[in-house]
């Protein structure tokens, strides 16, 4: 069973990396909002104490997500491709193991 899960994960990673390398990556409204906030943090030095909004009105997630996205933002010079890869694929993949 463990080998099956590992094979599925490897196939999924290869598939997603092939999409990203071709420039076919999803950049939706939530990604754009997060990138604007990360840009304000990194470039304009306006640090956040609250994170992105949630589906519940008046409830915010923690700012840790923005600080995680700041790493690839700095390394790529603000490029959305690597931020999308890092934020949605690498960090998102760890959520599978943490839950």
C-alpha atoms as a PDB file:
ATOM      1  CA  UNK A   1       0.000   0.000   0.000  1.00  0.00           C
ATOM      2  CA  UNK A   2       2.807   2.428   0.845  1.00  0.00           C
ATOM      3  CA  UNK A   3       4.473   1.784  -2.517  1.00  0.00           C
ATOM      4  CA  UNK A   4       1.217   2.597  -4.293  1.00  0.00           C
ATOM      5  CA  UNK A   5       0.897   5.912  -2.475  1.00  0.00           C
ATOM      6  CA  UNK A   6       4.515   6.822  -3.219  1.00  0.00           C
ATOM      7  CA  UNK A   7       4.079   5.974  -6.917  1.00  0.00           C
ATOM      8  CA  UNK A   8       0.923   8.103  -7.105  1.00  0.00           C
ATOM      9  CA  UNK A   9       2.708  11.012  -5.401  1.00  0.00           C
ATOM     10  CA  UNK A  10       5.690  10.767  -7.762  1.00  0.00           C
ATOM     11  CA  UNK A  11       3.439  10.697 -10.831  1.00  0.00           C
ATOM     12  CA  UNK A  12       1.514  13.695  -9.480  1.00  0.00           C
ATOM     13  CA  UNK A  13       4.687  15.658  -8.787  1.00  0.00           C
ATOM     14  CA  UNK A  14       6.068  14.950 -12.267  1.00  0.00           C
ATOM     15  CA  UNK A  15       2.760  15.966 -13.852  1.00  0.00           C
ATOM     16  CA  UNK A  16       2.540  19.235 -11.902  1.00  0.00           C
ATOM     17  CA  UNK A  17       6.174  20.107 -12.590  1.00  0.00           C
ATOM     18  CA  UNK A  18       5.648  19.522 -16.309  1.00  0.00           C
ATOM     19  CA  UNK A  19       2.701  21.941 -16.264  1.00  0.00           C
ATOM     20  CA  UNK A  20       4.682  24.569 -14.395  1.00  0.00           C
ATOM     21  CA  UNK A  21       7.727  24.232 -16.668  1.00  0.00           C
ATOM     22  CA  UNK A  22       5.481  24.909 -19.687  1.00  0.00           C
ATOM     23  CA  UNK A  23       4.080  28.040 -18.051  1.00  0.00           C
ATOM     24  CA  UNK A  24       0.643  26.499 -17.535  1.00  0.00           C
ATOM     25  CA  UNK A  25       0.011  27.280 -13.913  1.00  0.00           C
ATOM     26  CA  UNK A  26      -3.099  28.499 -12.165  1.00  0.00           C
ATOM     27  CA  UNK A  27      -2.890  32.033 -10.829  1.00  0.00           C
ATOM     28  CA  UNK A  28      -6.309  32.972  -9.499  1.00  0.00           C
ATOM     29  CA  UNK A  29      -7.718  35.810  -7.428  1.00  0.00           C
ATOM     30  CA  UNK A  30      -6.532  34.357  -4.111  1.00  0.00           C
ATOM     31  CA  UNK A  31      -2.987  33.966  -5.418  1.00  0.00           C
ATOM     32  CA  UNK A  32      -3.027  37.532  -6.730  1.00  0.00           C
ATOM     33  CA  UNK A  33      -4.288  38.878  -3.391  1.00  0.00           C
ATOM     34  CA  UNK A  34      -1.582  37.001  -1.523  1.00  0.00           C
ATOM     35  CA  UNK A  35       1.128  38.208  -3.905  1.00  0.00           C
ATOM     36  CA  UNK A  36       0.020  41.828  -3.511  1.00  0.00           C
ATOM     37  CA  UNK A  37       0.202  41.464   0.267  1.00  0.00           C
ATOM     38  CA  UNK A  38       3.607  39.748   0.106  1.00  0.00           C
ATOM     39  CA  UNK A  39       4.888  42.476  -2.217  1.00  0.00           C
ATOM     40  CA  UNK A  40       3.742  45.120   0.260  1.00  0.00           C
ATOM     41  CA  UNK A  41       5.580  43.273   3.016  1.00  0.00           C
ATOM     42  CA  UNK A  42       8.835  42.786   1.114  1.00  0.00           C
ATOM     43  CA  UNK A  43       9.082  45.906  -1.041  1.00  0.00           C
ATOM     44  CA  UNK A  44       7.191  48.495   0.994  1.00  0.00           C
ATOM     45  CA  UNK A  45       8.089  47.019   4.430  1.00  0.00           C
ATOM     46  CA  UNK A  46       4.459  46.945   5.611  1.00  0.00           C
ATOM     47  CA  UNK A  47       4.519  43.838   7.763  1.00  0.00           C
ATOM     48  CA  UNK A  48       1.278  41.975   8.422  1.00  0.00           C
ATOM     49  CA  UNK A  49      -0.180  40.911  11.733  1.00  0.00           C
ATOM     50  CA  UNK A  50      -3.187  39.217  10.130  1.00  0.00           C
ATOM     51  CA  UNK A  51      -3.201  36.768   7.285  1.00  0.00           C
ATOM     52  CA  UNK A  52      -5.607  36.281   4.398  1.00  0.00           C
ATOM     53  CA  UNK A  53      -9.340  36.392   4.955  1.00  0.00           C
ATOM     54  CA  UNK A  54     -11.278  33.197   5.365  1.00  0.00           C
ATOM     55  CA  UNK A  55     -14.741  32.130   4.263  1.00  0.00           C
ATOM     56  CA  UNK A  56     -16.092  33.347   7.614  1.00  0.00           C
ATOM     57  CA  UNK A  57     -16.583  37.104   7.548  1.00  0.00           C
ATOM     58  CA  UNK A  58     -14.367  38.913  10.035  1.00  0.00           C
ATOM     59  CA  UNK A  59     -12.132  35.874  10.588  1.00  0.00           C
ATOM     60  CA  UNK A  60      -8.545  35.957   9.350  1.00  0.00           C
ATOM     61  CA  UNK A  61      -5.943  33.238   9.055  1.00  0.00           C
ATOM     62  CA  UNK A  62      -2.537  33.743  10.589  1.00  0.00           C
ATOM     63  CA  UNK A  63       0.182  35.745   8.804  1.00  0.00           C
ATOM     64  CA  UNK A  64       2.472  32.706   8.554  1.00  0.00           C
ATOM     65  CA  UNK A  65       1.278  32.032   5.004  1.00  0.00           C
ATOM     66  CA  UNK A  66       2.541  35.438   3.869  1.00  0.00           C
ATOM     67  CA  UNK A  67       5.919  34.886   5.501  1.00  0.00           C
ATOM     68  CA  UNK A  68       6.232  31.483   3.798  1.00  0.00           C
ATOM     69  CA  UNK A  69       5.423  33.091   0.434  1.00  0.00           C
ATOM     70  CA  UNK A  70       7.999  35.823   1.057  1.00  0.00           C
ATOM     71  CA  UNK A  71      10.829  33.273   0.706  1.00  0.00           C
ATOM     72  CA  UNK A  72      10.279  32.427  -2.992  1.00  0.00           C
ATOM     73  CA  UNK A  73       9.269  36.040  -3.657  1.00  0.00           C
ATOM     74  CA  UNK A  74      12.702  37.173  -2.507  1.00  0.00           C
ATOM     75  CA  UNK A  75      14.566  34.337  -4.239  1.00  0.00           C
ATOM     76  CA  UNK A  76      12.822  34.836  -7.583  1.00  0.00           C
ATOM     77  CA  UNK A  77      12.752  38.620  -7.523  1.00  0.00           C
ATOM     78  CA  UNK A  78       8.967  38.668  -7.339  1.00  0.00           C
ATOM     79  CA  UNK A  79       8.349  36.010  -9.976  1.00  0.00           C
ATOM     80  CA  UNK A  80       4.931  34.444  -9.657  1.00  0.00           C
ATOM     81  CA  UNK A  81       5.968  31.117 -11.215  1.00  0.00           C
ATOM     82  CA  UNK A  82       8.202  29.985  -8.373  1.00  0.00           C
ATOM     83  CA  UNK A  83       5.934  31.482  -5.761  1.00  0.00           C
ATOM     84  CA  UNK A  84       3.076  29.458  -7.202  1.00  0.00           C
ATOM     85  CA  UNK A  85       5.196  26.325  -7.251  1.00  0.00           C
ATOM     86  CA  UNK A  86       6.457  26.799  -3.716  1.00  0.00           C
ATOM     87  CA  UNK A  87       3.252  28.003  -2.150  1.00  0.00           C
ATOM     88  CA  UNK A  88       0.724  25.715  -3.726  1.00  0.00           C
ATOM     89  CA  UNK A  89       2.754  22.619  -4.437  1.00  0.00           C
ATOM     90  CA  UNK A  90       5.624  22.271  -1.998  1.00  0.00           C
ATOM     91  CA  UNK A  91       3.981  23.730   1.097  1.00  0.00           C
ATOM     92  CA  UNK A  92       0.584  22.373   0.125  1.00  0.00           C
ATOM     93  CA  UNK A  93       2.029  18.899  -0.227  1.00  0.00           C
ATOM     94  CA  UNK A  94       3.241  18.922   3.365  1.00  0.00           C
ATOM     95  CA  UNK A  95      -0.330  19.433   4.521  1.00  0.00           C
ATOM     96  CA  UNK A  96      -1.031  15.858   3.453  1.00  0.00           C
ATOM     97  CA  UNK A  97       1.489  14.557   5.951  1.00  0.00           C
ATOM     98  CA  UNK A  98       0.461  16.910   8.749  1.00  0.00           C
ATOM     99  CA  UNK A  99      -3.214  15.988   8.746  1.00  0.00           C
END
